[in-house]
Amino acid sequence: MLFPQYAFRSSQAYMARGYMMSPKEARSLLAVQFLGERFPRQAEVDHATKRTRLLIEYESIYGDEYLLDTDALRSNLALNTAARQPSLPRAG
C-alpha cells in the first residue's frame, strides 16, 4: 500500500483488450485523493512514487509486443545510459 497512514480514495484506469490508443493520447492510470485533515508531505509522495512499480504490456498495430517497466526505466536513467529509454520488446 502506498499511503497506509493516510485516509485516501483512489481510482485506477484500465484499457480494454483491443483498445487502440492514438499516438498523442494520454491517460491517467491512477488518481489518489487524500481525505480528512492529514496529508502527506511532498517528500512522502516522492518516496512512494519512487518505490511504485508500473508494468504496462502493450502491442503495436504491427503485432509487436512490448513491456514498459518503470523499475527498468529508472535503473537505466540512474546509470545515465540514456536520457530516455524506449520500451523493450517482450521476451517470449
Protein backbone atom coordinates (compact mmCIF):
# COMPACT_ATOMS: atom_id res chain seq x y z
CA MET A 1 0.00 0.00 0.00
CA LEU A 2 1.33 3.44 -0.89
CA PHE A 3 0.00 5.54 1.99
CA PRO A 4 -1.13 3.27 4.85
CA GLN A 5 -1.15 6.06 7.46
CA TYR A 6 -3.47 8.36 5.49
CA ALA A 7 -7.12 8.16 4.53
CA PHE A 8 -7.49 8.35 0.77
CA ARG A 9 -9.63 7.36 -2.15
CA SER A 10 -8.06 6.09 -5.35
CA SER A 11 -9.22 5.25 -8.82
CA GLN A 12 -7.48 3.21 -11.46
CA ALA A 13 -7.93 3.11 -15.21
CA TYR A 14 -7.80 0.03 -17.38
CA MET A 15 -7.75 -0.30 -21.14
CA ALA A 16 -9.94 -2.95 -22.72
CA ARG A 17 -8.24 -5.64 -24.79
CA GLY A 18 -8.09 -4.39 -28.35
CA TYR A 19 -8.23 -0.71 -27.38
CA MET A 20 -6.18 1.41 -29.78
CA MET A 21 -4.64 4.49 -28.22
CA SER A 22 -3.77 7.33 -30.58
CA PRO A 23 -0.12 8.50 -30.68
CA LYS A 24 -0.75 11.78 -28.80
CA GLU A 25 -3.33 10.40 -26.36
CA ALA A 26 -2.58 10.47 -22.62
CA ARG A 27 -4.35 8.54 -19.87
CA SER A 28 -4.31 8.92 -16.11
CA LEU A 29 -3.80 5.39 -14.80
CA LEU A 30 -4.00 6.17 -11.10
CA ALA A 31 -5.51 9.05 -9.14
CA VAL A 32 -5.23 9.48 -5.37
CA GLN A 33 -7.37 11.90 -3.37
CA PHE A 34 -6.45 12.32 0.30
CA LEU A 35 -9.33 12.64 2.76
CA GLY A 36 -9.59 14.31 6.12
CA GLU A 37 -7.16 16.76 7.65
CA ARG A 38 -3.89 14.80 7.40
CA PHE A 39 -1.99 14.93 4.13
CA PRO A 40 1.43 13.51 3.28
CA ARG A 41 4.39 15.84 2.84
CA GLN A 42 5.79 16.20 -0.67
CA ALA A 43 8.80 14.08 0.34
CA GLU A 44 6.45 11.22 1.30
CA VAL A 45 4.68 11.42 -2.05
CA ASP A 46 8.03 11.48 -3.87
CA HIS A 47 9.23 8.46 -1.89
CA ALA A 48 6.05 6.50 -2.63
CA THR A 49 6.31 7.38 -6.32
CA LYS A 50 9.91 6.16 -6.44
CA ARG A 51 9.05 2.80 -4.87
CA THR A 52 5.99 2.19 -7.02
CA ARG A 53 6.44 -0.14 -9.98
CA LEU A 54 4.29 0.22 -13.07
CA LEU A 55 4.15 -2.56 -15.66
CA ILE A 56 2.33 -1.97 -18.93
CA GLU A 57 2.13 -4.69 -21.54
CA TYR A 58 1.04 -3.47 -24.94
CA GLU A 59 1.07 -4.37 -28.60
CA SER A 60 1.77 -2.17 -31.61
CA ILE A 61 -0.57 -2.07 -34.58
CA TYR A 62 2.02 -4.29 -36.29
CA GLY A 63 1.63 -7.02 -33.66
CA ASP A 64 4.94 -6.36 -31.85
CA GLU A 65 4.54 -6.87 -28.09
CA TYR A 66 6.23 -4.55 -25.59
CA LEU A 67 6.60 -4.17 -21.86
CA LEU A 68 7.07 -0.82 -20.15
CA ASP A 69 8.66 -1.45 -16.73
CA THR A 70 9.27 1.66 -14.63
CA ASP A 71 11.86 -0.19 -12.49
CA ALA A 72 13.95 -0.92 -15.59
CA LEU A 73 13.41 2.62 -16.84
CA ARG A 74 14.58 4.14 -13.53
CA SER A 75 17.55 1.78 -13.43
CA ASN A 76 18.62 2.82 -16.93
CA LEU A 77 18.19 6.50 -16.14
CA ALA A 78 20.18 6.14 -12.91
CA LEU A 79 23.05 4.59 -14.83
CA ASN A 80 22.92 7.53 -17.22
CA THR A 81 23.00 5.19 -20.19
CA ALA A 82 20.23 7.09 -21.91
CA ALA A 83 18.29 10.25 -21.27
CA ARG A 84 15.15 8.41 -22.36
CA GLN A 85 14.73 4.66 -22.61
CA PRO A 86 12.10 3.29 -25.01
CA SER A 87 10.03 0.27 -24.09
CA LEU A 88 11.75 -3.02 -24.77
CA PRO A 89 10.29 -5.91 -26.78
CA ARG A 90 8.80 -8.54 -24.50
CA ALA A 91 10.72 -11.77 -24.13
CA GLY A 92 8.52 -14.54 -25.31
